[in-house]
């Protein structure tokens, strides 16, 4: 069974969010309408969209597993910790306050 992932991050201000999310994901959007939505592909068949949805802003929930939690991100983490099974994580806070944990074995 093939699995695709398409996760959403609601924001209040689409004009203020792009620079922060470009640093977090390390790339510009691959598509979107430029007014209310910006989509980034994190890996083959895995995408994340940032979309204006004020009533849900700051409530995104997602964890991304990476080799190095801060390589190329250029954003200071809001906290670090350990999870069950030896996984370490670094949490980044977006402009709306939502937490974005990056997990991996060696942080």
PDB file of N, CA and C in Angstrom:
ATOM      1  N   UNK A   1       0.846  -1.179   0.000  1.00  0.00           N
ATOM      2  CA  UNK A   1       0.000   0.000   0.000  1.00  0.00           C
ATOM      3  C   UNK A   1       0.889   1.239   0.000  1.00  0.00           C
ATOM      4  N   UNK A   2       0.681   2.114  -0.938  1.00  0.00           N
ATOM      5  CA  UNK A   2       1.416   3.377  -0.995  1.00  0.00           C
ATOM      6  C   UNK A   2       0.783   4.361  -0.023  1.00  0.00           C
ATOM      7  N   UNK A   3       1.610   5.197   0.566  1.00  0.00           N
ATOM      8  CA  UNK A   3       1.107   6.176   1.525  1.00  0.00           C
ATOM      9  C   UNK A   3       1.618   7.560   1.152  1.00  0.00           C
ATOM     10  N   UNK A   4       0.705   8.492   0.992  1.00  0.00           N
ATOM     11  CA  UNK A   4       1.045   9.885   0.760  1.00  0.00           C
ATOM     12  C   UNK A   4       0.639  10.669   1.998  1.00  0.00           C
ATOM     13  N   UNK A   5       1.318  11.762   2.262  1.00  0.00           N
ATOM     14  CA  UNK A   5       0.989  12.607   3.405  1.00  0.00           C
ATOM     15  C   UNK A   5       0.831  14.039   2.925  1.00  0.00           C
ATOM     16  N   UNK A   6      -0.227  14.672   3.357  1.00  0.00           N
ATOM     17  CA  UNK A   6      -0.475  16.076   3.033  1.00  0.00           C
ATOM     18  C   UNK A   6      -0.992  16.721   4.309  1.00  0.00           C
ATOM     19  N   UNK A   7      -0.128  17.442   5.022  1.00  0.00           N
ATOM     20  CA  UNK A   7      -0.477  18.031   6.311  1.00  0.00           C
ATOM     21  C   UNK A   7      -0.668  19.534   6.174  1.00  0.00           C
ATOM     22  N   UNK A   8      -1.548  20.105   6.980  1.00  0.00           N
ATOM     23  CA  UNK A   8      -1.833  21.527   6.899  1.00  0.00           C
ATOM     24  C   UNK A   8      -1.452  22.297   8.148  1.00  0.00           C
ATOM     25  N   UNK A   9      -1.029  23.536   7.930  1.00  0.00           N
ATOM     26  CA  UNK A   9      -0.679  24.447   9.014  1.00  0.00           C
ATOM     27  C   UNK A   9      -1.519  25.708   8.836  1.00  0.00           C
ATOM     28  N   UNK A  10      -2.518  25.930   9.700  1.00  0.00           N
ATOM     29  CA  UNK A  10      -3.337  27.136   9.578  1.00  0.00           C
ATOM     30  C   UNK A  10      -2.625  28.358  10.151  1.00  0.00           C
ATOM     31  N   UNK A  11      -2.758  29.496   9.464  1.00  0.00           N
ATOM     32  CA  UNK A  11      -2.166  30.762   9.906  1.00  0.00           C
ATOM     33  C   UNK A  11      -3.200  31.878   9.779  1.00  0.00           C
ATOM     34  N   UNK A  12      -2.960  33.008  10.435  1.00  0.00           N
ATOM     35  CA  UNK A  12      -3.860  34.158  10.299  1.00  0.00           C
ATOM     36  C   UNK A  12      -3.406  35.097   9.196  1.00  0.00           C
ATOM     37  N   UNK A  13      -2.094  35.174   8.969  1.00  0.00           N
ATOM     38  CA  UNK A  13      -1.557  36.151   8.025  1.00  0.00           C
ATOM     39  C   UNK A  13      -0.619  35.466   7.042  1.00  0.00           C
ATOM     40  N   UNK A  14      -1.087  35.231   5.836  1.00  0.00           N
ATOM     41  CA  UNK A  14      -0.285  34.540   4.825  1.00  0.00           C
ATOM     42  C   UNK A  14       0.933  35.362   4.397  1.00  0.00           C
ATOM     43  N   UNK A  15       0.877  36.660   4.513  1.00  0.00           N
ATOM     44  CA  UNK A  15       2.005  37.496   4.110  1.00  0.00           C
ATOM     45  C   UNK A  15       3.149  37.442   5.121  1.00  0.00           C
ATOM     46  N   UNK A  16       2.858  37.238   6.401  1.00  0.00           N
ATOM     47  CA  UNK A  16       3.891  37.212   7.434  1.00  0.00           C
ATOM     48  C   UNK A  16       4.538  35.840   7.590  1.00  0.00           C
ATOM     49  N   UNK A  17       3.857  34.774   7.226  1.00  0.00           N
ATOM     50  CA  UNK A  17       4.322  33.414   7.486  1.00  0.00           C
ATOM     51  C   UNK A  17       5.382  32.871   6.528  1.00  0.00           C
ATOM     52  N   UNK A  18       5.389  33.216   5.242  1.00  0.00           N
ATOM     53  CA  UNK A  18       6.271  32.519   4.296  1.00  0.00           C
ATOM     54  C   UNK A  18       7.751  32.482   4.646  1.00  0.00           C
ATOM     55  N   UNK A  19       8.328  33.567   5.094  1.00  0.00           N
ATOM     56  CA  UNK A  19       9.768  33.572   5.382  1.00  0.00           C
ATOM     57  C   UNK A  19      10.117  32.599   6.506  1.00  0.00           C
ATOM     58  N   UNK A  20       9.298  32.554   7.559  1.00  0.00           N
ATOM     59  CA  UNK A  20       9.572  31.650   8.676  1.00  0.00           C
ATOM     60  C   UNK A  20       9.467  30.202   8.226  1.00  0.00           C
ATOM     61  N   UNK A  21       8.427  29.867   7.488  1.00  0.00           N
ATOM     62  CA  UNK A  21       8.257  28.488   7.035  1.00  0.00           C
ATOM     63  C   UNK A  21       9.294  28.103   5.986  1.00  0.00           C
ATOM     64  N   UNK A  22       9.779  29.040   5.205  1.00  0.00           N
ATOM     65  CA  UNK A  22      10.845  28.729   4.264  1.00  0.00           C
ATOM     66  C   UNK A  22      12.116  28.347   5.026  1.00  0.00           C
ATOM     67  N   UNK A  23      12.411  29.044   6.112  1.00  0.00           N
ATOM     68  CA  UNK A  23      13.574  28.681   6.939  1.00  0.00           C
ATOM     69  C   UNK A  23      13.351  27.328   7.604  1.00  0.00           C
ATOM     70  N   UNK A  24      12.147  27.080   8.121  1.00  0.00           N
ATOM     71  CA  UNK A  24      11.866  25.808   8.801  1.00  0.00           C
ATOM     72  C   UNK A  24      12.035  24.634   7.853  1.00  0.00           C
ATOM     73  N   UNK A  25      11.449  24.726   6.663  1.00  0.00           N
ATOM     74  CA  UNK A  25      11.488  23.616   5.723  1.00  0.00           C
ATOM     75  C   UNK A  25      12.694  23.645   4.792  1.00  0.00           C
ATOM     76  N   UNK A  26      13.401  24.771   4.731  1.00  0.00           N
ATOM     77  CA  UNK A  26      14.606  24.860   3.929  1.00  0.00           C
ATOM     78  C   UNK A  26      14.374  25.012   2.437  1.00  0.00           C
ATOM     79  N   UNK A  27      13.147  25.373   2.057  1.00  0.00           N
ATOM     80  CA  UNK A  27      12.870  25.552   0.627  1.00  0.00           C
ATOM     81  C   UNK A  27      11.629  26.427   0.445  1.00  0.00           C
ATOM     82  N   UNK A  28      11.530  27.065  -0.710  1.00  0.00           N
ATOM     83  CA  UNK A  28      10.332  27.855  -0.996  1.00  0.00           C
ATOM     84  C   UNK A  28       9.169  26.927  -1.353  1.00  0.00           C
ATOM     85  N   UNK A  29       7.965  27.451  -1.391  1.00  0.00           N
ATOM     86  CA  UNK A  29       6.823  26.627  -1.791  1.00  0.00           C
ATOM     87  C   UNK A  29       6.986  26.108  -3.220  1.00  0.00           C
ATOM     88  N   UNK A  30       6.436  24.932  -3.480  1.00  0.00           N
ATOM     89  CA  UNK A  30       6.465  24.377  -4.835  1.00  0.00           C
ATOM     90  C   UNK A  30       5.226  24.786  -5.622  1.00  0.00           C
ATOM     91  N   UNK A  31       4.145  25.101  -4.927  1.00  0.00           N
ATOM     92  CA  UNK A  31       2.959  25.644  -5.569  1.00  0.00           C
ATOM     93  C   UNK A  31       2.028  26.234  -4.521  1.00  0.00           C
ATOM     94  N   UNK A  32       0.986  26.851  -4.966  1.00  0.00           N
ATOM     95  CA  UNK A  32       0.012  27.519  -4.111  1.00  0.00           C
ATOM     96  C   UNK A  32      -0.532  28.717  -4.857  1.00  0.00           C
ATOM     97  N   UNK A  33      -1.559  29.304  -4.320  1.00  0.00           N
ATOM     98  CA  UNK A  33      -2.178  30.411  -5.037  1.00  0.00           C
ATOM     99  C   UNK A  33      -1.519  31.759  -4.755  1.00  0.00           C
ATOM    100  N   UNK A  34      -0.572  31.813  -3.830  1.00  0.00           N
ATOM    101  CA  UNK A  34       0.129  33.060  -3.522  1.00  0.00           C
ATOM    102  C   UNK A  34      -0.646  34.020  -2.643  1.00  0.00           C
ATOM    103  N   UNK A  35      -1.909  33.767  -2.436  1.00  0.00           N
ATOM    104  CA  UNK A  35      -2.753  34.643  -1.610  1.00  0.00           C
ATOM    105  C   UNK A  35      -3.147  33.999  -0.287  1.00  0.00           C
ATOM    106  N   UNK A  36      -3.507  32.720  -0.321  1.00  0.00           N
ATOM    107  CA  UNK A  36      -3.996  32.066   0.892  1.00  0.00           C
ATOM    108  C   UNK A  36      -3.340  30.726   1.171  1.00  0.00           C
ATOM    109  N   UNK A  37      -2.531  30.204   0.239  1.00  0.00           N
ATOM    110  CA  UNK A  37      -1.961  28.875   0.419  1.00  0.00           C
ATOM    111  C   UNK A  37      -0.573  28.785  -0.192  1.00  0.00           C
ATOM    112  N   UNK A  38       0.338  28.088   0.504  1.00  0.00           N
ATOM    113  CA  UNK A  38       1.676  27.793   0.002  1.00  0.00           C
ATOM    114  C   UNK A  38       1.985  26.342   0.351  1.00  0.00           C
ATOM    115  N   UNK A  39       2.382  25.554  -0.630  1.00  0.00           N
ATOM    116  CA  UNK A  39       2.610  24.124  -0.430  1.00  0.00           C
ATOM    117  C   UNK A  39       4.078  23.805  -0.619  1.00  0.00           C
ATOM    118  N   UNK A  40       4.613  23.032   0.316  1.00  0.00           N
ATOM    119  CA  UNK A  40       6.003  22.568   0.224  1.00  0.00           C
ATOM    120  C   UNK A  40       6.004  21.052   0.212  1.00  0.00           C
ATOM    121  N   UNK A  41       6.874  20.492  -0.621  1.00  0.00           N
ATOM    122  CA  UNK A  41       7.033  19.043  -0.623  1.00  0.00           C
ATOM    123  C   UNK A  41       8.210  18.719   0.284  1.00  0.00           C
ATOM    124  N   UNK A  42       7.966  17.944   1.344  1.00  0.00           N
ATOM    125  CA  UNK A  42       9.040  17.620   2.280  1.00  0.00           C
ATOM    126  C   UNK A  42       9.836  16.402   1.816  1.00  0.00           C
ATOM    127  N   UNK A  43       9.215  15.545   1.038  1.00  0.00           N
ATOM    128  CA  UNK A  43       9.849  14.370   0.436  1.00  0.00           C
ATOM    129  C   UNK A  43       8.856  13.836  -0.588  1.00  0.00           C
ATOM    130  N   UNK A  44       9.268  12.849  -1.349  1.00  0.00           N
ATOM    131  CA  UNK A  44       8.353  12.291  -2.337  1.00  0.00           C
ATOM    132  C   UNK A  44       7.028  11.879  -1.716  1.00  0.00           C
ATOM    133  N   UNK A  45       5.962  12.352  -2.257  1.00  0.00           N
ATOM    134  CA  UNK A  45       4.604  12.024  -1.795  1.00  0.00           C
ATOM    135  C   UNK A  45       4.305  12.510  -0.379  1.00  0.00           C
ATOM    136  N   UNK A  46       5.043  13.533   0.071  1.00  0.00           N
ATOM    137  CA  UNK A  46       4.792  14.109   1.389  1.00  0.00           C
ATOM    138  C   UNK A  46       4.842  15.621   1.278  1.00  0.00           C
ATOM    139  N   UNK A  47       3.741  16.261   1.563  1.00  0.00           N
ATOM    140  CA  UNK A  47       3.680  17.707   1.441  1.00  0.00           C
ATOM    141  C   UNK A  47       3.070  18.362   2.664  1.00  0.00           C
ATOM    142  N   UNK A  48       3.391  19.626   2.830  1.00  0.00           N
ATOM    143  CA  UNK A  48       2.858  20.430   3.923  1.00  0.00           C
ATOM    144  C   UNK A  48       2.336  21.720   3.322  1.00  0.00           C
ATOM    145  N   UNK A  49       1.101  22.077   3.651  1.00  0.00           N
ATOM    146  CA  UNK A  49       0.578  23.343   3.151  1.00  0.00           C
ATOM    147  C   UNK A  49       0.342  24.303   4.300  1.00  0.00           C
ATOM    148  N   UNK A  50       0.658  25.569   4.053  1.00  0.00           N
ATOM    149  CA  UNK A  50       0.400  26.664   4.987  1.00  0.00           C
ATOM    150  C   UNK A  50      -0.753  27.442   4.376  1.00  0.00           C
ATOM    151  N   UNK A  51      -1.847  27.549   5.115  1.00  0.00           N
ATOM    152  CA  UNK A  51      -3.057  28.139   4.556  1.00  0.00           C
ATOM    153  C   UNK A  51      -3.722  29.092   5.548  1.00  0.00           C
ATOM    154  N   UNK A  52      -4.250  30.195   5.033  1.00  0.00           N
ATOM    155  CA  UNK A  52      -4.974  31.148   5.871  1.00  0.00           C
ATOM    156  C   UNK A  52      -6.248  30.490   6.369  1.00  0.00           C
ATOM    157  N   UNK A  53      -6.340  30.375   7.682  1.00  0.00           N
ATOM    158  CA  UNK A  53      -7.507  29.806   8.353  1.00  0.00           C
ATOM    159  C   UNK A  53      -7.463  30.336   9.794  1.00  0.00           C
ATOM    160  N   UNK A  54      -7.804  31.625   9.993  1.00  0.00           N
ATOM    161  CA  UNK A  54      -7.622  32.286  11.286  1.00  0.00           C
ATOM    162  C   UNK A  54      -8.237  31.569  12.482  1.00  0.00           C
ATOM    163  N   UNK A  55      -9.374  30.939  12.294  1.00  0.00           N
ATOM    164  CA  UNK A  55     -10.035  30.279  13.427  1.00  0.00           C
ATOM    165  C   UNK A  55      -9.283  29.049  13.926  1.00  0.00           C
ATOM    166  N   UNK A  56      -8.327  28.540  13.147  1.00  0.00           N
ATOM    167  CA  UNK A  56      -7.551  27.364  13.557  1.00  0.00           C
ATOM    168  C   UNK A  56      -6.066  27.666  13.729  1.00  0.00           C
ATOM    169  N   UNK A  57      -5.644  28.897  13.494  1.00  0.00           N
ATOM    170  CA  UNK A  57      -4.226  29.260  13.541  1.00  0.00           C
ATOM    171  C   UNK A  57      -3.602  28.937  14.897  1.00  0.00           C
ATOM    172  N   UNK A  58      -2.370  28.461  14.858  1.00  0.00           N
ATOM    173  CA  UNK A  58      -1.640  28.135  16.076  1.00  0.00           C
ATOM    174  C   UNK A  58      -1.957  26.765  16.646  1.00  0.00           C
ATOM    175  N   UNK A  59      -2.736  25.967  15.934  1.00  0.00           N
ATOM    176  CA  UNK A  59      -3.151  24.663  16.456  1.00  0.00           C
ATOM    177  C   UNK A  59      -2.671  23.488  15.613  1.00  0.00           C
ATOM    178  N   UNK A  60      -1.703  23.692  14.753  1.00  0.00           N
ATOM    179  CA  UNK A  60      -1.188  22.602  13.918  1.00  0.00           C
ATOM    180  C   UNK A  60      -0.487  21.568  14.792  1.00  0.00           C
ATOM    181  N   UNK A  61      -0.601  20.315  14.391  1.00  0.00           N
ATOM    182  CA  UNK A  61       0.070  19.229  15.106  1.00  0.00           C
ATOM    183  C   UNK A  61       0.764  18.345  14.079  1.00  0.00           C
ATOM    184  N   UNK A  62       2.071  18.278  14.169  1.00  0.00           N
ATOM    185  CA  UNK A  62       2.830  17.413  13.270  1.00  0.00           C
ATOM    186  C   UNK A  62       4.212  17.191  13.861  1.00  0.00           C
ATOM    187  N   UNK A  63       4.827  16.089  13.511  1.00  0.00           N
ATOM    188  CA  UNK A  63       6.214  15.815  13.885  1.00  0.00           C
ATOM    189  C   UNK A  63       6.930  15.343  12.640  1.00  0.00           C
ATOM    190  N   UNK A  64       8.101  15.878  12.382  1.00  0.00           N
ATOM    191  CA  UNK A  64       8.898  15.459  11.241  1.00  0.00           C
ATOM    192  C   UNK A  64      10.161  14.783  11.759  1.00  0.00           C
ATOM    193  N   UNK A  65      10.505  13.645  11.186  1.00  0.00           N
ATOM    194  CA  UNK A  65      11.710  12.940  11.593  1.00  0.00           C
ATOM    195  C   UNK A  65      12.816  13.247  10.596  1.00  0.00           C
ATOM    196  N   UNK A  66      13.948  13.687  11.131  1.00  0.00           N
ATOM    197  CA  UNK A  66      15.065  14.152  10.311  1.00  0.00           C
ATOM    198  C   UNK A  66      16.378  13.608  10.862  1.00  0.00           C
ATOM    199  N   UNK A  67      17.453  13.702  10.050  1.00  0.00           N
ATOM    200  CA  UNK A  67      18.776  13.262  10.487  1.00  0.00           C
ATOM    201  C   UNK A  67      19.364  14.216  11.521  1.00  0.00           C
ATOM    202  N   UNK A  68      19.213  15.518  11.300  1.00  0.00           N
ATOM    203  CA  UNK A  68      19.774  16.541  12.183  1.00  0.00           C
ATOM    204  C   UNK A  68      18.704  17.609  12.355  1.00  0.00           C
ATOM    205  N   UNK A  69      18.199  17.754  13.556  1.00  0.00           N
ATOM    206  CA  UNK A  69      17.031  18.607  13.794  1.00  0.00           C
ATOM    207  C   UNK A  69      17.232  20.084  13.495  1.00  0.00           C
ATOM    208  N   UNK A  70      18.461  20.565  13.463  1.00  0.00           N
ATOM    209  CA  UNK A  70      18.655  21.991  13.228  1.00  0.00           C
ATOM    210  C   UNK A  70      19.515  22.301  12.004  1.00  0.00           C
ATOM    211  N   UNK A  71      19.890  21.289  11.247  1.00  0.00           N
ATOM    212  CA  UNK A  71      20.719  21.528  10.063  1.00  0.00           C
ATOM    213  C   UNK A  71      19.952  22.328   9.028  1.00  0.00           C
ATOM    214  N   UNK A  72      20.448  23.477   8.681  1.00  0.00           N
ATOM    215  CA  UNK A  72      19.847  24.288   7.646  1.00  0.00           C
ATOM    216  C   UNK A  72      18.582  25.011   8.042  1.00  0.00           C
ATOM    217  N   UNK A  73      18.101  24.812   9.246  1.00  0.00           N
ATOM    218  CA  UNK A  73      16.841  25.432   9.658  1.00  0.00           C
ATOM    219  C   UNK A  73      17.045  26.913   9.945  1.00  0.00           C
ATOM    220  N   UNK A  74      18.078  27.273  10.677  1.00  0.00           N
ATOM    221  CA  UNK A  74      18.348  28.671  10.976  1.00  0.00           C
ATOM    222  C   UNK A  74      17.377  29.281  11.969  1.00  0.00           C
ATOM    223  N   UNK A  75      16.692  28.460  12.723  1.00  0.00           N
ATOM    224  CA  UNK A  75      15.732  28.917  13.730  1.00  0.00           C
ATOM    225  C   UNK A  75      16.115  28.249  15.050  1.00  0.00           C
ATOM    226  N   UNK A  76      16.199  29.020  16.117  1.00  0.00           N
ATOM    227  CA  UNK A  76      16.508  28.441  17.426  1.00  0.00           C
ATOM    228  C   UNK A  76      15.324  27.608  17.901  1.00  0.00           C
ATOM    229  N   UNK A  77      15.609  26.455  18.481  1.00  0.00           N
ATOM    230  CA  UNK A  77      14.527  25.609  18.988  1.00  0.00           C
ATOM    231  C   UNK A  77      13.945  26.213  20.260  1.00  0.00           C
ATOM    232  N   UNK A  78      12.664  25.936  20.484  1.00  0.00           N
ATOM    233  CA  UNK A  78      11.970  26.414  21.677  1.00  0.00           C
ATOM    234  C   UNK A  78      12.146  25.449  22.838  1.00  0.00           C
ATOM    235  N   UNK A  79      12.718  24.300  22.567  1.00  0.00           N
ATOM    236  CA  UNK A  79      12.945  23.311  23.612  1.00  0.00           C
ATOM    237  C   UNK A  79      13.431  22.008  23.021  1.00  0.00           C
ATOM    238  N   UNK A  80      14.077  21.224  23.853  1.00  0.00           N
ATOM    239  CA  UNK A  80      14.586  19.914  23.447  1.00  0.00           C
ATOM    240  C   UNK A  80      14.187  18.906  24.497  1.00  0.00           C
ATOM    241  N   UNK A  81      14.057  17.661  24.072  1.00  0.00           N
ATOM    242  CA  UNK A  81      13.702  16.629  25.024  1.00  0.00           C
ATOM    243  C   UNK A  81      13.912  15.249  24.447  1.00  0.00           C
ATOM    244  N   UNK A  82      13.556  14.255  25.238  1.00  0.00           N
ATOM    245  CA  UNK A  82      13.665  12.860  24.836  1.00  0.00           C
ATOM    246  C   UNK A  82      12.279  12.233  24.866  1.00  0.00           C
ATOM    247  N   UNK A  83      12.057  11.340  23.926  1.00  0.00           N
ATOM    248  CA  UNK A  83      10.790  10.624  23.825  1.00  0.00           C
ATOM    249  C   UNK A  83      11.058   9.144  24.058  1.00  0.00           C
ATOM    250  N   UNK A  84      10.020   8.350  24.318  1.00  0.00           N
ATOM    251  CA  UNK A  84      10.214   6.913  24.482  1.00  0.00           C
ATOM    252  C   UNK A  84      10.895   6.304  23.263  1.00  0.00           C
ATOM    253  N   UNK A  85      11.679   5.267  23.484  1.00  0.00           N
ATOM    254  CA  UNK A  85      12.348   4.579  22.388  1.00  0.00           C
ATOM    255  C   UNK A  85      13.655   5.220  21.953  1.00  0.00           C
ATOM    256  N   UNK A  86      14.174   6.175  22.716  1.00  0.00           N
ATOM    257  CA  UNK A  86      15.448   6.794  22.402  1.00  0.00           C
ATOM    258  C   UNK A  86      15.383   7.910  21.378  1.00  0.00           C
ATOM    259  N   UNK A  87      14.204   8.337  21.000  1.00  0.00           N
ATOM    260  CA  UNK A  87      14.064   9.423  20.041  1.00  0.00           C
ATOM    261  C   UNK A  87      14.232  10.752  20.760  1.00  0.00           C
ATOM    262  N   UNK A  88      15.043  11.627  20.199  1.00  0.00           N
ATOM    263  CA  UNK A  88      15.237  12.976  20.735  1.00  0.00           C
ATOM    264  C   UNK A  88      14.434  13.925  19.870  1.00  0.00           C
ATOM    265  N   UNK A  89      14.009  15.050  20.437  1.00  0.00           N
ATOM    266  CA  UNK A  89      13.269  16.017  19.631  1.00  0.00           C
ATOM    267  C   UNK A  89      13.665  17.449  19.960  1.00  0.00           C
ATOM    268  N   UNK A  90      13.507  18.300  18.960  1.00  0.00           N
ATOM    269  CA  UNK A  90      13.664  19.747  19.116  1.00  0.00           C
ATOM    270  C   UNK A  90      12.354  20.354  18.627  1.00  0.00           C
ATOM    271  N   UNK A  91      11.792  21.271  19.407  1.00  0.00           N
ATOM    272  CA  UNK A  91      10.515  21.884  19.046  1.00  0.00           C
ATOM    273  C   UNK A  91      10.761  23.318  18.574  1.00  0.00           C
ATOM    274  N   UNK A  92      10.163  23.662  17.450  1.00  0.00           N
ATOM    275  CA  UNK A  92      10.241  25.011  16.896  1.00  0.00           C
ATOM    276  C   UNK A  92       8.852  25.623  16.981  1.00  0.00           C
ATOM    277  N   UNK A  93       8.761  26.900  17.341  1.00  0.00           N
ATOM    278  CA  UNK A  93       7.467  27.590  17.462  1.00  0.00           C
ATOM    279  C   UNK A  93       7.267  28.517  16.279  1.00  0.00           C
ATOM    280  N   UNK A  94       6.158  28.332  15.571  1.00  0.00           N
ATOM    281  CA  UNK A  94       5.829  29.156  14.417  1.00  0.00           C
ATOM    282  C   UNK A  94       5.313  30.523  14.817  1.00  0.00           C
ATOM    283  N   UNK A  95       5.118  31.405  13.858  1.00  0.00           N
ATOM    284  CA  UNK A  95       4.651  32.760  14.134  1.00  0.00           C
ATOM    285  C   UNK A  95       3.304  32.800  14.853  1.00  0.00           C
ATOM    286  N   UNK A  96       2.476  31.767  14.679  1.00  0.00           N
ATOM    287  CA  UNK A  96       1.168  31.699  15.321  1.00  0.00           C
ATOM    288  C   UNK A  96       1.227  30.983  16.665  1.00  0.00           C
ATOM    289  N   UNK A  97       2.421  30.464  17.036  1.00  0.00           N
ATOM    290  CA  UNK A  97       2.594  29.777  18.310  1.00  0.00           C
ATOM    291  C   UNK A  97       2.525  28.274  18.234  1.00  0.00           C
ATOM    292  N   UNK A  98       2.200  27.704  17.082  1.00  0.00           N
ATOM    293  CA  UNK A  98       2.127  26.239  16.951  1.00  0.00           C
ATOM    294  C   UNK A  98       3.513  25.646  17.085  1.00  0.00           C
ATOM    295  N   UNK A  99       3.606  24.489  17.747  1.00  0.00           N
ATOM    296  CA  UNK A  99       4.870  23.789  17.905  1.00  0.00           C
ATOM    297  C   UNK A  99       5.096  22.815  16.778  1.00  0.00           C
ATOM    298  N   UNK A 100       6.340  22.738  16.286  1.00  0.00           N
ATOM    299  CA  UNK A 100       6.709  21.806  15.241  1.00  0.00           C
ATOM    300  C   UNK A 100       7.879  20.974  15.729  1.00  0.00           C
ATOM    301  N   UNK A 101       7.609  19.790  16.293  1.00  0.00           N
ATOM    302  CA  UNK A 101       8.700  18.932  16.750  1.00  0.00           C
ATOM    303  C   UNK A 101       9.429  18.295  15.576  1.00  0.00           C
ATOM    304  N   UNK A 102      10.751  18.320  15.634  1.00  0.00           N
ATOM    305  CA  UNK A 102      11.602  17.575  14.712  1.00  0.00           C
ATOM    306  C   UNK A 102      12.221  16.475  15.557  1.00  0.00           C
ATOM    307  N   UNK A 103      12.023  15.225  15.181  1.00  0.00           N
ATOM    308  CA  UNK A 103      12.544  14.104  15.954  1.00  0.00           C
ATOM    309  C   UNK A 103      13.626  13.377  15.199  1.00  0.00           C
ATOM    310  N   UNK A 104      14.481  12.713  15.953  1.00  0.00           N
ATOM    311  CA  UNK A 104      15.545  11.916  15.350  1.00  0.00           C
ATOM    312  C   UNK A 104      16.361  11.245  16.436  1.00  0.00           C
ATOM    313  N   UNK A 105      17.254  10.349  16.016  1.00  0.00           N
ATOM    314  CA  UNK A 105      18.062   9.608  16.972  1.00  0.00           C
ATOM    315  C   UNK A 105      19.190  10.443  17.549  1.00  0.00           C
ATOM    316  N   UNK A 106      19.766  11.326  16.762  1.00  0.00           N
ATOM    317  CA  UNK A 106      20.924  12.093  17.222  1.00  0.00           C
ATOM    318  C   UNK A 106      20.656  13.580  17.017  1.00  0.00           C
ATOM    319  N   UNK A 107      20.221  14.237  18.058  1.00  0.00           N
ATOM    320  CA  UNK A 107      19.958  15.666  17.936  1.00  0.00           C
ATOM    321  C   UNK A 107      21.058  16.428  18.615  1.00  0.00           C
TER     322      UNK A 107
END
